[in-house]
């Protein structure tokens, strides 16, 4: 997807990271009654997984552009 300077597009990496963070938050609320550390761990896992997927998605997009 090639965009000009004046065009605004969706930043798919940010959407992926935000989505997996929300998934981690939802899972964290399930484990919240057990321990606050499980809640924080699931939130961090969600953010980390989102960063990983966004990086892999960016690599596949750069290969398609060339």
C-alpha atoms as a PDB file:
ATOM      1  CA  UNK A   1       0.000   0.000   0.000  1.00  0.00           C
ATOM      2  CA  UNK A   2       1.684   3.164  -1.172  1.00  0.00           C
ATOM      3  CA  UNK A   3       0.417   6.487   0.149  1.00  0.00           C
ATOM      4  CA  UNK A   4       1.270   9.989  -0.930  1.00  0.00           C
ATOM      5  CA  UNK A   5       2.344  12.759   1.396  1.00  0.00           C
ATOM      6  CA  UNK A   6      -1.135  14.220   1.770  1.00  0.00           C
ATOM      7  CA  UNK A   7      -2.955  10.948   2.363  1.00  0.00           C
ATOM      8  CA  UNK A   8      -3.599   9.582   5.819  1.00  0.00           C
ATOM      9  CA  UNK A   9      -3.780   5.855   6.352  1.00  0.00           C
ATOM     10  CA  UNK A  10      -4.227   3.420   9.163  1.00  0.00           C
ATOM     11  CA  UNK A  11      -1.112   2.557  11.099  1.00  0.00           C
ATOM     12  CA  UNK A  12      -1.649  -1.168  11.235  1.00  0.00           C
ATOM     13  CA  UNK A  13       1.228  -1.700  13.646  1.00  0.00           C
ATOM     14  CA  UNK A  14      -0.409   0.538  16.227  1.00  0.00           C
ATOM     15  CA  UNK A  15      -3.726  -1.233  15.732  1.00  0.00           C
ATOM     16  CA  UNK A  16      -2.082  -4.624  16.257  1.00  0.00           C
ATOM     17  CA  UNK A  17      -0.296  -3.485  19.414  1.00  0.00           C
ATOM     18  CA  UNK A  18      -3.439  -1.842  20.778  1.00  0.00           C
ATOM     19  CA  UNK A  19      -5.552  -4.890  20.037  1.00  0.00           C
ATOM     20  CA  UNK A  20      -3.247  -7.354  21.729  1.00  0.00           C
ATOM     21  CA  UNK A  21      -2.923  -4.992  24.685  1.00  0.00           C
ATOM     22  CA  UNK A  22      -6.707  -5.051  25.037  1.00  0.00           C
ATOM     23  CA  UNK A  23      -6.661  -8.849  24.850  1.00  0.00           C
ATOM     24  CA  UNK A  24      -4.010  -8.920  27.586  1.00  0.00           C
ATOM     25  CA  UNK A  25      -6.109  -6.550  29.666  1.00  0.00           C
ATOM     26  CA  UNK A  26      -9.168  -8.776  29.300  1.00  0.00           C
ATOM     27  CA  UNK A  27      -7.223 -11.877  30.263  1.00  0.00           C
ATOM     28  CA  UNK A  28      -5.699  -9.927  33.142  1.00  0.00           C
ATOM     29  CA  UNK A  29      -9.137  -9.149  34.548  1.00  0.00           C
ATOM     30  CA  UNK A  30      -9.850 -12.887  34.609  1.00  0.00           C
ATOM     31  CA  UNK A  31      -6.701 -13.467  36.702  1.00  0.00           C
ATOM     32  CA  UNK A  32      -7.162 -10.290  38.782  1.00  0.00           C
ATOM     33  CA  UNK A  33      -8.824 -12.151  41.659  1.00  0.00           C
ATOM     34  CA  UNK A  34      -5.790 -14.436  41.942  1.00  0.00           C
ATOM     35  CA  UNK A  35      -3.012 -11.840  42.111  1.00  0.00           C
ATOM     36  CA  UNK A  36      -2.229  -8.341  40.854  1.00  0.00           C
ATOM     37  CA  UNK A  37       1.027  -9.716  39.456  1.00  0.00           C
ATOM     38  CA  UNK A  38      -0.854 -12.115  37.175  1.00  0.00           C
ATOM     39  CA  UNK A  39      -2.839  -9.128  35.927  1.00  0.00           C
ATOM     40  CA  UNK A  40       0.318  -7.154  35.189  1.00  0.00           C
ATOM     41  CA  UNK A  41       2.010 -10.180  33.614  1.00  0.00           C
ATOM     42  CA  UNK A  42      -0.867 -10.776  31.207  1.00  0.00           C
ATOM     43  CA  UNK A  43      -0.873  -7.088  30.279  1.00  0.00           C
ATOM     44  CA  UNK A  44       2.880  -7.168  29.578  1.00  0.00           C
ATOM     45  CA  UNK A  45       2.510 -10.393  27.568  1.00  0.00           C
ATOM     46  CA  UNK A  46      -0.209  -8.721  25.486  1.00  0.00           C
ATOM     47  CA  UNK A  47       2.007  -5.723  24.762  1.00  0.00           C
ATOM     48  CA  UNK A  48       5.027  -7.913  23.979  1.00  0.00           C
ATOM     49  CA  UNK A  49       3.029 -10.167  21.680  1.00  0.00           C
ATOM     50  CA  UNK A  50       1.662  -7.121  19.879  1.00  0.00           C
ATOM     51  CA  UNK A  51       5.142  -5.719  19.352  1.00  0.00           C
ATOM     52  CA  UNK A  52       6.309  -9.059  17.981  1.00  0.00           C
ATOM     53  CA  UNK A  53       3.379  -9.438  15.594  1.00  0.00           C
ATOM     54  CA  UNK A  54       3.667  -5.810  14.443  1.00  0.00           C
ATOM     55  CA  UNK A  55       7.360  -6.311  13.693  1.00  0.00           C
ATOM     56  CA  UNK A  56       6.682  -9.491  11.729  1.00  0.00           C
ATOM     57  CA  UNK A  57       3.811  -7.822   9.911  1.00  0.00           C
ATOM     58  CA  UNK A  58       6.058  -4.887   8.994  1.00  0.00           C
ATOM     59  CA  UNK A  59       8.701  -7.234   7.614  1.00  0.00           C
ATOM     60  CA  UNK A  60       6.158  -8.998   5.408  1.00  0.00           C
ATOM     61  CA  UNK A  61       4.815  -5.642   4.148  1.00  0.00           C
ATOM     62  CA  UNK A  62       8.304  -4.422   3.225  1.00  0.00           C
ATOM     63  CA  UNK A  63       8.928  -7.610   1.209  1.00  0.00           C
ATOM     64  CA  UNK A  64       5.704  -7.100  -0.748  1.00  0.00           C
ATOM     65  CA  UNK A  65       6.635  -3.503  -1.610  1.00  0.00           C
ATOM     66  CA  UNK A  66       9.878  -4.531  -3.323  1.00  0.00           C
END
